[in-house]
Amino acid sequence: MYQFSYADIQTDSVADARDRERQLLSRSIDMLIKAGEAGANTSEAIAALNFTNRVWTSLLDDLGNPENALPKELRANLISIGLWILREGEDLRQGRTDSFEGLIEVSQIIRDGIQ
């Protein structure tokens, strides 16, 4: 019978968490692209912005946790980006902007940087 070492399990769980983060960001990006094509005042936009808000709120909670293993400076940078994404989403909801491009591009950069 094979016994898993703690290090193996911990590495797998970190890899699994990163994979889930990539998947959530990919889904958010896909939804934002469709929302951009449909327009800012559509049900697609509402769904995309709500989903993106939930994803980033969850990521921000994790990044703000003192037990998060990422370097402090990286966490601070990601928190700043996450707050920008939430503000940009709110600007779209409020009609202060109608472009999804920034949200899409920044989300793609973050997703592609997750290793």
Protein backbone atom coordinates (compact mmCIF):
# COMPACT_ATOMS: atom_id res chain seq x y z
CA MET A 1 0.00 0.00 0.00
CA TYR A 2 1.35 3.42 -0.96
CA GLN A 3 1.54 6.01 1.79
CA PHE A 4 1.31 9.68 0.88
CA SER A 5 3.77 11.97 2.57
CA TYR A 6 2.52 15.21 4.07
CA ALA A 7 4.65 17.12 1.54
CA ASP A 8 2.97 15.25 -1.35
CA ILE A 9 -0.49 16.03 -0.03
CA GLN A 10 0.38 19.65 0.67
CA THR A 11 1.88 20.10 -2.82
CA ASP A 12 -1.17 18.49 -4.41
CA SER A 13 -3.57 20.68 -2.47
CA VAL A 14 -1.66 23.85 -3.45
CA ALA A 15 -1.62 22.71 -7.08
CA ASP A 16 -5.33 21.91 -6.89
CA ALA A 17 -6.07 25.33 -5.38
CA ARG A 18 -4.09 27.08 -8.13
CA ASP A 19 -5.92 25.06 -10.77
CA ARG A 20 -9.29 26.03 -9.26
CA GLU A 21 -8.22 29.69 -9.24
CA ARG A 22 -7.24 29.48 -12.92
CA GLN A 23 -10.55 27.80 -13.77
CA LEU A 24 -12.58 30.45 -11.92
CA LEU A 25 -10.66 33.28 -13.57
CA SER A 26 -11.09 31.62 -16.98
CA ARG A 27 -14.83 31.35 -16.44
CA SER A 28 -14.96 34.99 -15.33
CA ILE A 29 -12.99 36.05 -18.42
CA ASP A 30 -15.26 34.07 -20.74
CA MET A 31 -18.32 35.67 -19.15
CA LEU A 32 -16.78 39.15 -19.38
CA ILE A 33 -15.99 38.65 -23.07
CA LYS A 34 -19.60 37.64 -23.77
CA ALA A 35 -20.84 40.58 -21.70
CA GLY A 36 -18.63 42.95 -23.67
CA GLU A 37 -20.11 41.64 -26.90
CA ALA A 38 -23.67 41.90 -25.56
CA GLY A 39 -23.29 45.32 -23.95
CA ALA A 40 -23.03 46.81 -20.50
CA ASN A 41 -26.78 46.92 -19.80
CA THR A 42 -27.58 43.27 -20.49
CA SER A 43 -28.26 40.19 -18.39
CA GLU A 44 -24.91 38.81 -19.60
CA ALA A 45 -23.16 41.84 -18.12
CA ILE A 46 -24.99 41.51 -14.82
CA ALA A 47 -24.12 37.81 -14.56
CA ALA A 48 -20.47 38.37 -15.54
CA LEU A 49 -19.99 41.25 -13.11
CA ASN A 50 -21.66 39.37 -10.25
CA PHE A 51 -19.54 36.28 -10.88
CA THR A 52 -16.33 38.33 -11.19
CA ASN A 53 -17.20 40.15 -7.98
CA ARG A 54 -17.67 36.85 -6.10
CA VAL A 55 -14.41 35.43 -7.46
CA TRP A 56 -12.36 38.48 -6.50
CA THR A 57 -14.05 38.91 -3.13
CA SER A 58 -13.08 35.34 -2.32
CA LEU A 59 -9.52 35.85 -3.61
CA LEU A 60 -9.19 39.06 -1.58
CA ASP A 61 -10.34 37.24 1.57
CA ASP A 62 -7.67 34.61 0.98
CA LEU A 63 -4.98 37.19 0.17
CA GLY A 64 -5.78 39.11 3.34
CA ASN A 65 -5.40 36.02 5.51
CA PRO A 66 -2.14 36.21 7.49
CA GLU A 67 -1.66 32.47 6.92
CA ASN A 68 -1.50 32.96 3.14
CA ALA A 69 1.90 31.64 2.04
CA LEU A 70 2.49 34.14 -0.78
CA PRO A 71 5.16 36.78 -0.19
CA LYS A 72 3.75 39.87 1.51
CA GLU A 73 4.60 42.23 -1.37
CA LEU A 74 2.96 39.96 -3.94
CA ARG A 75 -0.15 39.69 -1.77
CA ALA A 76 -0.30 43.47 -1.45
CA ASN A 77 0.00 43.89 -5.22
CA LEU A 78 -2.72 41.32 -5.88
CA ILE A 79 -4.98 42.97 -3.30
CA SER A 80 -4.52 46.31 -5.10
CA ILE A 81 -5.37 44.67 -8.42
CA GLY A 82 -8.40 42.95 -6.91
CA LEU A 83 -9.69 46.21 -5.47
CA TRP A 84 -9.25 47.86 -8.87
CA ILE A 85 -11.21 45.04 -10.51
CA LEU A 86 -14.05 45.46 -8.00
CA ARG A 87 -14.11 49.24 -8.59
CA GLU A 88 -14.05 48.80 -12.38
CA GLY A 89 -16.93 46.33 -12.14
CA GLU A 90 -18.89 48.83 -10.07
CA ASP A 91 -18.16 51.55 -12.65
CA LEU A 92 -19.66 49.27 -15.32
CA ARG A 93 -22.72 48.56 -13.16
CA GLN A 94 -23.23 52.26 -12.51
CA GLY A 95 -22.82 53.21 -16.17
CA ARG A 96 -19.68 55.28 -15.59
CA THR A 97 -17.94 53.17 -18.22
CA ASP A 98 -19.07 50.66 -20.82
CA SER A 99 -15.82 48.89 -21.67
CA PHE A 100 -14.98 45.44 -20.36
CA GLU A 101 -11.51 45.48 -21.97
CA GLY A 102 -9.55 46.45 -18.86
CA LEU A 103 -11.23 43.83 -16.70
CA ILE A 104 -10.62 41.17 -19.32
CA GLU A 105 -6.97 42.05 -19.92
CA VAL A 106 -6.02 42.32 -16.26
CA SER A 107 -7.87 39.10 -15.41
CA GLN A 108 -6.05 37.29 -18.22
CA ILE A 109 -2.69 38.52 -16.96
CA ILE A 110 -3.45 37.35 -13.41
CA ARG A 111 -4.81 33.99 -14.60
CA ASP A 112 -1.79 33.38 -16.82
CA GLY A 113 0.56 34.25 -13.95
CA ILE A 114 -0.85 31.63 -11.58
CA GLN A 115 1.59 28.75 -11.37
